[in-house]
Amino acid sequence: MTLSFKTEARHGYSVKFSPYFPQRLACVTCQYYGIAGCGTLFILDQTPEGLAVVRTYDWNDGLFDLTWAENNENVVVTAAGDGSVLVWDTAQLKGPIRAFKEHTKEVNSVDWSLTRNENLVLSGSWDHTIKLWDLQNSQSLNTFSGHEYIVYNVAWSPHIPGCFVSASGDCTLRLWDARGGQFPTTVIPAHDGEILTCDWCKYDQNLLFSGSVDGLIRGWDLRDTTKPVCELKGHQYAVRRIRTSPFVKTMLASCSYDFTVRIWDFSRPEALEVVSHHTEFVYGLDFNIHVPGQLADCGWDEFLRVYYPACSTPVIC
C-alpha cells in the first residue's frame, strides 16, 4: 500500500523518517521549484487514514534538506536558500528556535552526527564550503574548504567518530576528519560529472556510494579508492539521492531526474525494481529505520509517498 500526501504549491526536496517514532517523517519543500519564493517544513504522521499533518512551518526562502536531531525527538535542522541553517522545535507552533547564517550562498545539505553522542551538525553549501556546528554555540566550530564547486551533500560516517564525506560539483568525493583540521584526508575523483549525492554502507565502515549527473552510482572501498568496487547503471538522468538500507547490507535505493526510484542489490549490475509513481524530478528519499522495507520519497510533482517496494525486504529478495 502506498500513502500519498500532496505538498500543495510546494516542490519536494528532501524527506527523512524520525529516528524516534516509526510513524513520523519530515519533508522540506520549496515554492516555484526552489528558484524563488518561500519554503515549507512539513511534519507528518502515518495514520490508518493516511498521512496526516502534525505541523507546518514556513520560511522566507526555499528549504533544501533536513536532518533530525539525535538528542531530542522534537528537533529538526534544515538547510535554507538564504544561506541559513535553521533549528526547529516541532513541539512548538512558532518559527525556528535558532538561525545560523554564515554561509554566503544556498545551503544544500545538513547532517547530524551519528557516533558517540557528539551532537554535531554539518552543512554543505553553494559557497563551496562545509561548516561544522554545535547548536549550543552561536558560531560554527570550523569551516572546511577545498572543494572547487558547489557542495551538494555531506554525510557523517555511522561508524567512525569525526569522519564525514562530501560530494561536490567538482566531480570529487572528499573524506574529512572533523577533529583534524580544515583539509580533506582523501580526495576521490569519483565521476566525470557533478556528484550530487553520497551515502555510507550501514554494515561496512570502509564502503560508501556516490551518485552523479552521469546517471551512475558507484561504490568505493576506502582502503583502495583507485577504482570503484561496483558501478550501477540504469538511471537515464542525474542521480539526485542515494540511501543505503538499514536492514540489508547489500541494498540501496536511488532517485533521479528521470522520475524514478530504483532499488538495487549492489552485488548485481541491474536494479531489482524500478518505481515510477512520480511525474517530475524525484529529489528526496529515505528508508524507515524502524520498519524494514519502508521507503519515503518526494518530488517536484508536489507529492510525497510512503510505500513498500516489492523487493525491499530480504525475505522477498
Protein backbone atom coordinates (compact mmCIF):
# COMPACT_ATOMS: atom_id res chain seq x y z
CA MET A 1 0.00 0.00 0.00
CA THR A 2 1.21 3.50 -0.88
CA LEU A 3 0.38 6.54 1.23
CA SER A 4 0.38 9.85 -0.63
CA PHE A 5 0.42 13.45 0.52
CA LYS A 6 0.25 16.49 -1.75
CA THR A 7 2.58 19.34 -0.77
CA GLU A 8 0.27 21.84 -2.44
CA ALA A 9 2.19 24.53 -4.39
CA ARG A 10 5.44 23.24 -2.84
CA HIS A 11 8.04 21.12 -4.61
CA GLY A 12 9.65 18.40 -2.51
CA TYR A 13 13.41 18.46 -1.92
CA SER A 14 14.13 16.12 0.99
CA VAL A 15 12.27 13.68 3.24
CA LYS A 16 13.52 11.92 6.39
CA PHE A 17 11.93 9.49 8.83
CA SER A 18 12.18 10.27 12.53
CA PRO A 19 14.85 8.29 14.42
CA TYR A 20 12.44 8.16 17.38
CA PHE A 21 8.92 7.50 16.09
CA PRO A 22 8.26 4.87 13.39
CA GLN A 23 5.18 6.68 12.09
CA ARG A 24 6.72 10.17 11.81
CA LEU A 25 8.57 11.86 8.98
CA ALA A 26 9.53 15.34 7.88
CA CYS A 27 9.71 16.88 4.43
CA VAL A 28 11.22 20.17 3.22
CA THR A 29 9.87 21.91 0.16
CA CYS A 30 10.26 25.00 -2.00
CA GLN A 31 7.93 27.26 -3.87
CA TYR A 32 8.48 27.69 -7.63
CA TYR A 33 10.90 24.74 -7.86
CA GLY A 34 13.34 26.44 -5.47
CA ILE A 35 14.13 29.23 -7.93
CA ALA A 36 12.16 31.84 -5.98
CA GLY A 37 9.63 32.11 -3.18
CA CYS A 38 9.45 30.59 0.28
CA GLY A 39 9.89 27.13 1.74
CA THR A 40 7.79 24.92 4.00
CA LEU A 41 8.74 22.24 6.50
CA PHE A 42 6.06 19.55 6.90
CA ILE A 43 5.90 17.23 9.93
CA LEU A 44 3.69 14.25 9.12
CA ASP A 45 2.44 11.09 10.79
CA GLN A 46 1.31 7.85 9.20
CA THR A 47 -2.20 7.06 10.44
CA PRO A 48 -4.85 4.48 9.47
CA GLU A 49 -6.48 7.23 7.41
CA GLY A 50 -3.26 8.17 5.58
CA LEU A 51 -0.55 10.79 6.04
CA ALA A 52 -1.68 13.47 8.49
CA VAL A 53 -0.07 16.87 9.08
CA VAL A 54 1.26 17.38 12.61
CA ARG A 55 2.86 20.78 11.99
CA THR A 56 3.88 23.03 9.11
CA TYR A 57 6.48 25.78 9.28
CA ASP A 58 7.21 28.43 6.65
CA TRP A 59 10.47 30.20 5.89
CA ASN A 60 11.07 33.18 3.62
CA ASP A 61 13.34 31.19 1.30
CA GLY A 62 13.45 27.66 -0.05
CA LEU A 63 14.28 24.71 2.23
CA PHE A 64 16.56 22.15 0.55
CA ASP A 65 17.45 19.49 3.14
CA LEU A 66 16.79 18.40 6.71
CA THR A 67 18.17 16.22 9.47
CA TRP A 68 16.53 15.05 12.69
CA ALA A 69 18.38 15.62 15.96
CA GLU A 70 19.83 12.54 17.63
CA ASN A 71 19.47 14.02 21.13
CA ASN A 72 15.95 15.48 21.04
CA GLU A 73 12.90 13.82 19.48
CA ASN A 74 11.33 17.16 18.54
CA VAL A 75 14.25 18.97 16.90
CA VAL A 76 14.79 19.24 13.14
CA VAL A 77 17.58 21.17 11.39
CA THR A 78 17.01 22.47 7.86
CA ALA A 79 19.15 23.91 5.06
CA ALA A 80 17.84 27.15 3.55
CA GLY A 81 18.29 29.01 0.28
CA ASP A 82 19.28 32.24 2.03
CA GLY A 83 22.40 30.59 3.49
CA SER A 84 20.80 29.80 6.84
CA VAL A 85 20.97 26.67 8.95
CA LEU A 86 17.66 26.65 10.85
CA VAL A 87 16.74 24.77 14.04
CA TRP A 88 13.06 23.96 14.65
CA ASP A 89 11.33 22.60 17.75
CA THR A 90 8.39 20.66 16.37
CA ALA A 91 6.69 20.66 19.77
CA GLN A 92 6.19 24.40 19.30
CA LEU A 93 3.98 26.27 16.88
CA LYS A 94 6.33 29.19 16.24
CA GLY A 95 9.20 29.54 13.78
CA PRO A 96 12.82 28.40 14.19
CA ILE A 97 14.34 28.50 17.64
CA ARG A 98 17.80 29.19 16.17
CA ALA A 99 19.04 30.56 12.84
CA PHE A 100 22.71 30.38 11.92
CA LYS A 101 23.82 32.33 8.88
CA GLU A 102 27.49 32.09 7.98
CA HIS A 103 27.23 30.56 4.51
CA THR A 104 27.22 33.17 1.77
CA LYS A 105 25.06 31.14 -0.64
CA GLU A 106 22.38 28.44 -0.55
CA VAL A 107 22.81 25.56 1.90
CA ASN A 108 22.19 22.26 0.11
CA SER A 109 22.77 19.65 2.80
CA VAL A 110 22.70 19.16 6.56
CA ASP A 111 23.53 16.06 8.61
CA TRP A 112 23.55 15.24 12.35
CA SER A 113 26.44 13.15 13.71
CA LEU A 114 25.70 9.50 14.49
CA THR A 115 28.58 8.40 16.75
CA ARG A 116 29.41 8.77 20.47
CA ASN A 117 26.72 11.35 21.21
CA GLU A 118 28.79 14.06 19.55
CA ASN A 119 25.65 16.04 18.58
CA LEU A 120 27.39 17.96 15.82
CA VAL A 121 25.82 19.15 12.58
CA LEU A 122 27.42 19.56 9.15
CA SER A 123 26.21 21.93 6.44
CA GLY A 124 27.31 22.00 2.80
CA SER A 125 26.75 24.98 0.55
CA TRP A 126 26.83 26.55 -2.89
CA ASP A 127 29.68 28.70 -1.48
CA HIS A 128 31.94 25.59 -1.86
CA THR A 129 32.41 25.19 1.91
CA ILE A 130 31.32 22.83 4.68
CA LYS A 131 30.68 24.11 8.19
CA LEU A 132 30.67 22.25 11.50
CA TRP A 133 28.14 23.29 14.13
CA ASP A 134 27.46 22.66 17.79
CA LEU A 135 23.98 24.10 18.16
CA GLN A 136 24.77 25.32 21.65
CA ASN A 137 27.33 27.74 20.17
CA SER A 138 26.49 30.97 18.38
CA GLN A 139 29.14 30.41 15.69
CA SER A 140 30.35 27.45 13.66
CA LEU A 141 33.20 25.39 15.11
CA ASN A 142 35.08 25.02 11.83
CA THR A 143 34.92 25.68 8.10
CA PHE A 144 36.23 23.06 5.67
CA SER A 145 37.49 24.34 2.34
CA GLY A 146 38.94 22.63 -0.70
CA HIS A 147 36.03 21.87 -3.00
CA GLU A 148 36.21 23.88 -6.21
CA TYR A 149 32.47 23.95 -6.81
CA ILE A 150 29.11 23.51 -5.07
CA VAL A 151 28.96 21.06 -2.13
CA TYR A 152 25.77 19.13 -2.79
CA ASN A 153 25.86 16.56 0.02
CA VAL A 154 27.58 15.96 3.35
CA ALA A 155 27.24 12.75 5.37
CA TRP A 156 28.71 11.64 8.69
CA SER A 157 30.13 8.13 8.91
CA PRO A 158 27.81 5.96 11.03
CA HIS A 159 30.89 4.03 12.20
CA ILE A 160 33.94 6.30 12.61
CA PRO A 161 33.74 9.23 15.06
CA GLY A 162 34.58 12.57 13.46
CA CYS A 163 34.69 11.19 9.91
CA PHE A 164 32.47 12.54 7.13
CA VAL A 165 32.25 12.58 3.35
CA SER A 166 31.23 15.35 0.96
CA ALA A 167 30.04 15.26 -2.64
CA SER A 168 30.59 18.17 -4.98
CA GLY A 169 30.06 19.56 -8.43
CA ASP A 170 33.85 19.43 -8.84
CA CYS A 171 33.40 15.68 -9.55
CA THR A 172 35.06 14.56 -6.32
CA LEU A 173 34.19 12.86 -3.08
CA ARG A 174 36.25 14.13 -0.17
CA LEU A 175 36.83 12.48 3.18
CA TRP A 176 37.40 14.65 6.24
CA ASP A 177 38.33 14.30 9.90
CA ALA A 178 36.30 16.89 11.81
CA ARG A 179 38.94 16.88 14.56
CA GLY A 180 41.95 17.07 12.28
CA GLY A 181 41.95 20.44 10.54
CA GLN A 182 40.34 22.15 7.58
CA PHE A 183 41.56 19.99 4.71
CA PRO A 184 40.43 16.60 3.38
CA THR A 185 42.24 13.40 4.27
CA THR A 186 41.32 11.77 0.94
CA VAL A 187 40.13 13.07 -2.43
CA ILE A 188 38.37 10.62 -4.77
CA PRO A 189 37.83 11.69 -8.42
CA ALA A 190 34.70 9.58 -8.42
CA HIS A 191 32.80 10.60 -11.59
CA ASP A 192 33.19 12.52 -14.83
CA GLY A 193 30.20 14.70 -13.94
CA GLU A 194 28.96 16.62 -10.92
CA ILE A 195 28.35 14.41 -7.87
CA LEU A 196 25.00 15.21 -6.26
CA THR A 197 24.76 12.59 -3.52
CA CYS A 198 26.66 10.14 -1.32
CA ASP A 199 25.91 7.71 1.49
CA TRP A 200 27.71 5.22 3.72
CA CYS A 201 27.04 1.50 3.93
CA LYS A 202 25.44 0.82 7.33
CA TYR A 203 27.30 -2.51 7.71
CA ASP A 204 30.83 -1.80 6.42
CA GLN A 205 32.81 1.21 7.64
CA ASN A 206 35.01 1.18 4.54
CA LEU A 207 32.22 1.28 1.96
CA LEU A 208 30.45 4.35 0.60
CA PHE A 209 28.47 5.23 -2.52
CA SER A 210 28.22 8.19 -4.88
CA GLY A 211 25.62 9.29 -7.43
CA SER A 212 26.22 11.71 -10.28
CA VAL A 213 24.69 13.66 -13.14
CA ASP A 214 26.22 10.98 -15.38
CA GLY A 215 23.42 8.67 -14.21
CA LEU A 216 25.83 6.28 -12.48
CA ILE A 217 26.06 5.03 -8.90
CA ARG A 218 29.49 3.87 -7.79
CA GLY A 219 30.70 2.09 -4.68
CA TRP A 220 34.07 2.90 -3.09
CA ASP A 221 36.26 0.96 -0.68
CA LEU A 222 38.23 3.44 1.41
CA ARG A 223 41.18 1.04 1.60
CA ASP A 224 41.68 1.41 -2.17
CA THR A 225 39.96 4.31 -3.91
CA THR A 226 41.77 3.94 -7.24
CA LYS A 227 38.73 2.27 -8.80
CA PRO A 228 35.11 1.64 -7.80
CA VAL A 229 34.12 -1.71 -6.33
CA CYS A 230 30.79 -1.56 -8.18
CA GLU A 231 29.01 0.52 -10.79
CA LEU A 232 25.22 0.56 -11.09
CA LYS A 233 23.71 1.65 -14.40
CA GLY A 234 20.06 2.25 -15.19
CA HIS A 235 19.05 5.83 -14.45
CA GLN A 236 18.55 7.86 -17.62
CA TYR A 237 19.36 11.18 -16.00
CA ALA A 238 21.11 12.55 -12.91
CA VAL A 239 21.04 10.54 -9.68
CA ARG A 240 19.76 13.03 -7.11
CA ARG A 241 19.90 10.97 -3.91
CA ILE A 242 21.03 7.55 -2.75
CA ARG A 243 20.22 5.86 0.55
CA THR A 244 21.66 2.61 1.83
CA SER A 245 19.40 0.15 3.63
CA PRO A 246 19.50 -0.01 7.44
CA PHE A 247 18.40 -3.66 7.27
CA VAL A 248 20.03 -5.28 4.23
CA LYS A 249 23.80 -4.98 3.80
CA THR A 250 23.85 -5.03 0.00
CA MET A 251 20.74 -2.95 -0.66
CA LEU A 252 20.44 0.70 -1.59
CA ALA A 253 17.81 2.93 -3.15
CA SER A 254 18.26 5.85 -5.53
CA CYS A 255 16.08 8.57 -7.01
CA SER A 256 16.62 10.55 -10.15
CA TYR A 257 15.67 13.32 -12.51
CA ASP A 258 14.31 10.51 -14.72
CA PHE A 259 11.21 10.50 -12.40
CA THR A 260 12.06 7.06 -10.93
CA VAL A 261 13.22 5.42 -7.72
CA ARG A 262 15.33 2.29 -8.17
CA ILE A 263 16.08 -0.44 -5.65
CA TRP A 264 19.45 -2.16 -6.01
CA ASP A 265 21.44 -5.07 -4.67
CA PHE A 266 24.89 -3.61 -5.29
CA SER A 267 26.31 -7.09 -5.87
CA ARG A 268 24.20 -7.22 -9.06
CA PRO A 269 24.51 -4.99 -12.15
CA GLU A 270 20.82 -4.24 -12.69
CA ALA A 271 18.15 -2.71 -10.47
CA LEU A 272 15.90 -5.11 -8.57
CA GLU A 273 12.94 -2.82 -9.06
CA VAL A 274 12.01 0.46 -10.74
CA VAL A 275 9.33 2.57 -9.03
CA SER A 276 7.63 5.06 -11.38
CA HIS A 277 4.98 6.85 -9.34
CA HIS A 278 6.22 10.42 -9.88
CA THR A 279 5.72 12.69 -12.88
CA GLU A 280 8.59 15.07 -12.17
CA PHE A 281 12.14 15.05 -10.76
CA VAL A 282 12.41 12.89 -7.60
CA TYR A 283 14.57 14.71 -5.07
CA GLY A 284 14.05 13.20 -1.61
CA LEU A 285 14.40 9.60 -0.46
CA ASP A 286 14.75 7.76 2.85
CA PHE A 287 14.45 4.34 4.47
CA ASN A 288 12.48 3.99 7.71
CA ILE A 289 14.97 2.70 10.30
CA HIS A 290 12.10 1.27 12.38
CA VAL A 291 10.13 -0.54 9.69
CA PRO A 292 12.01 -2.96 7.40
CA GLY A 293 11.48 -2.23 3.74
CA GLN A 294 9.53 1.02 4.09
CA LEU A 295 10.60 3.95 1.90
CA ALA A 296 9.52 7.56 1.54
CA ASP A 297 10.21 9.84 -1.41
CA CYS A 298 9.21 13.30 -2.61
CA GLY A 299 9.48 15.22 -5.84
CA TRP A 300 8.77 18.27 -7.90
CA ASP A 301 5.30 16.94 -8.78
CA GLU A 302 4.21 18.07 -5.27
CA PHE A 303 3.74 14.52 -3.99
CA LEU A 304 5.29 12.73 -1.01
CA ARG A 305 4.81 8.96 -0.95
CA VAL A 306 5.40 6.27 1.69
CA TYR A 307 5.43 2.68 0.44
CA TYR A 308 6.99 -0.78 0.39
CA PRO A 309 8.78 -1.70 -2.84
CA ALA A 310 8.25 -5.34 -3.74
CA CYS A 311 11.96 -6.06 -3.41
CA SER A 312 12.78 -4.03 -0.30
CA THR A 313 12.99 -6.84 2.26
CA PRO A 314 15.45 -9.72 2.49
CA VAL A 315 12.60 -12.23 2.63
CA ILE A 316 11.19 -11.21 -0.75
CA CYS A 317 14.52 -10.54 -2.42
